[in-house]
Each structure stands twice: as structure tokens, then as C-alpha cells.
Amino acid sequence: MTTSALNASDPRRAELRRMRALATGLLLLMLAGFVLSHLMGQHGAWAWVAAFCEAATVGALADWFAVVALFRRPLGLPIPHTAILPRGKDRLADGLAVFVRDHFLAPDALLEKMRTFDPATRLAQWLAQPTQARMLADMGRGWLLQALDLLDEQAVRRAIQRFVVERLRQWNAAATAGDVLGLLTADGRHQQLLDEALQRLGRWLDNEAVKARVSQLIVRYARREWPKLMDTVDWVKPVEEIGDSLAERLARAALEELQEVLTTPQHPLRQDYERWLQAYVVRLREDPQLAARVEELKQQAIDHPALQDYIQGLWARIHAALRQDLERADSGIARHLEQSLQGLAQALARDPALREALNTHMLDAAERLTTRLRSSVTEHIASTMKGWDERHLVDQLELSVGRDLQYIRFNGTLVGGLIGLLLHALSVGLPAA
């Protein structure tokens, strides 16, 4: 439907036409009464009718002129100080813009209203209702799904790959390794790590399958190195039994040594391990050759196709996992968001300092925003109104207030008539000079 069709169907236009017709009909009625009273000679009651209708006609015409002069030139005549609204459109625009700025965007007034409103408390009360927190969580879930749909997956995948690879290339791997090992040596944690390794080694050596494997290695080695001797030994005792016995003794000796290391804090093996680890930490931090070797290994790992493929597929896996969760009605992300919102409501409800801090931040943000928007909003209102078509502006204003302005014409007609009657009564009651 076109703008003209919409304007024609506006119910305010029909109401305005009806009120205009009534006001004009009342004016014509007063004119008819004035003419009729003069034709009847203005004697007796007709004199009173003439006085009423004459003054009512003047009042009706004056108010008609005043109402019409607001919107256009009466009868199209270039009478000064008419068509007030279209001629003063720019001044009206500036005045309205200043009015909005001074009364609606005044920082002091807005901040005072916000202080009275206490937004933090109201937010806590609103979020405390489970339906509100759930509604916000569902809205957040929908926004996140839309954001996933808007993302260019290829572009994001390339950006993630560039970001990860760039950060890896800038990473000082040797220094980080030195720092990690330095943390391990703090408070004897590296000794605990050694204990765990030795205990695992002991359990491995005490395994029957391991002992059998060691026995087989001993026998195979002995038969390869000393075949004749082993043939001779076989006459006395099978070499396999000797191997089993030797493997068992080796395992027992190793376990005894491990137990001694585990129970002796100052064991030579621990001291050697301590000195080696401390020296290696220093080398990682200070030895340029070792740092260069670590850097070379890092670059080789970065350039490896497997790592590149993993990085490229990283966003695809993240994207799929996020979408799979967000598309579910019982989304974990939405549930976590809902719990966080309810937790915020509880924290605000029980912590006055938190409410005060939040209110302070809101007031500071509102003050900065108001100060920044005052001039731009004022300019926007003024420029928008100045850019309006004058005929459209007048038409819209007349539709909005024109119906009420017709009552001015009614009142002017009736008040003028009553004043005419009063003046006529005064003139009749005064003695002739």
C-alpha cells in the first residue's frame, strides 16, 4: 500500500474533516442568524439574536484564521505571520532538539533517576526468577548458533592455523623447557618423579615375563659367543636353567639396588641425577647451541604434515562440538549460562558492596554515554526534522492536533456570541445621553 493510500485511510483524517465541517457549519449558522436578524429589523428578540450572531461570527472567523494560520496561509493570501509551522520548521526543529537534550538527556537528571531506580537490585530480582534466567540462556544459545552460521569456516580455519603456527614459531621452547624443569626441581618434586620411575622399573623387573625374556637373551648371547663351551655345559646342567637362574639373580640384585635408592635420600644415584638435572636446566636457559637444537626440533615438528592437518581440523572439531551442544534443548553451554545468571542474582542479592559496585559502573557508563550522545542526538533530531517535506510535516501535525484545534473554533463562536449578548445587554441598560 502506498503512502498516499495509507494517509487516505488514516481514521484521524475522517475525524478531522468531520470536526472541520461542524465548526464551519456553526459559522454558517451564525452568519445566517445575523442576516436573518437584520432582515427582521433587529427589534425585540431579534436584536438579541443579531447581537449574539454578530459577535459569534466575528469570534468564529478570528479563531478560524488563527487555527489555519498555524498550518498554511488563510485563503492563500500572503498575510504576514501566517503558515507559522512550515515557515518556522527549522526553528521548531532546533527548539525540539534542544528541549530533548536539556530535559531527556541531561546527565544529572538521568543519573539521579538511575540512582533512584537502583538497577543492580532490580537486575538481581529479575534474574532470580528461573524463567527469566532460562529465557536469557535460550536467547544466548540462539545468538551463538546464529554466530556459528555467520562465520566463514574456511576463513576461520585459515585464521586459526595462522594464529597457532605464528605463536608456535614465536615460542621460545628451550626457555620454557628450562622453566618447567626448574619448577620440577622446586621442593624436591623431581625426586618424587624419580621415585615413581624407579618403582615402575621395579615392578617391570619383577614381572615373570620380563625375567623369561632376559633369560632367553642371556642363553642366546652365550650360545652365539661361546658355542663349544655351552655344549660342554649342557652335559653338566642345561644352559636354559642357568639362564633362568641368572636372570632371577639379576632381577633380584636390580630390585635390591632400586630399593636402596628409594630408601636412601643421599644415594649417589640421586646426587648424580640432581647434578645432571640442574646442569641441564642451566644449559636450556644459557647454552645457545642447545637452544638452537631445541628450536630446530620445534620447527621440524611445526612443519610436520600431521601437525598441520591437526591444526587445520581444529576449528572443524570445535565448530561441530559447539553446534552439537547448542542445538540440543538441554545444551550444556545454555545450562552453564543459566546457572551463572542465577549465581549472579544470588551474589547481588546478598552482597551490598557488589550491588554498589555494579551501580557505580552503570552510572559511570551512562554518564559517558549520555555525554557522548547529547550532541549527536540533538544534531540528529534537528537535521531529521529540517529534512522533512513541509507539506508532509504540516499534514502530520494537523492530523495529530487539528481535531482538538477545531474546538477552539467552537469555543470562539460560543464565547463571542455570549460576549455579544453581554455588550448588547449593557448597551440596552445604559441611559441615553
Foldseek 3Di string as FASTA:
>chain_A
DDPVVVLVPPVLVVLLVVLVVVLVVLLVVLVVLLVVLVVVPLPDVSVLSNLLSVQLNVLLVVLVCVLQQCQAHVVNDPDPSGNVCLVCLLVVLLVVLVVCLVPVLDLVVVLVVLVVVLVLLVLLVQLLDLVSLLVVLLVVLVVVVVVLVPDDLQVVLVVLLVVVLVVLLVDQVLLVVLVVLVVCPPPNNVVVVVLVVLVVVLVVLPDPVVLLVQLVVVLVVCCVVPVPVQVVVVVVPHSSVVSSVVSVVVSVVSNVVSVVPNPDVVDPVNVVVVVVSVVSSVCSVPPPVVSVVVSVVSVVVSPDVVNSVCSSCVVVVVSVVSVVQSVDPPRPSSVVSSVVSNVSSVCSVVDVVVSVVVSVVVSVVSSVVSVVCSVVSSVVSSVVSVPDDSVVVSSVVCSVCVSVSSVSSVCSSNVSSVVSSVVVVVVVPDDDD
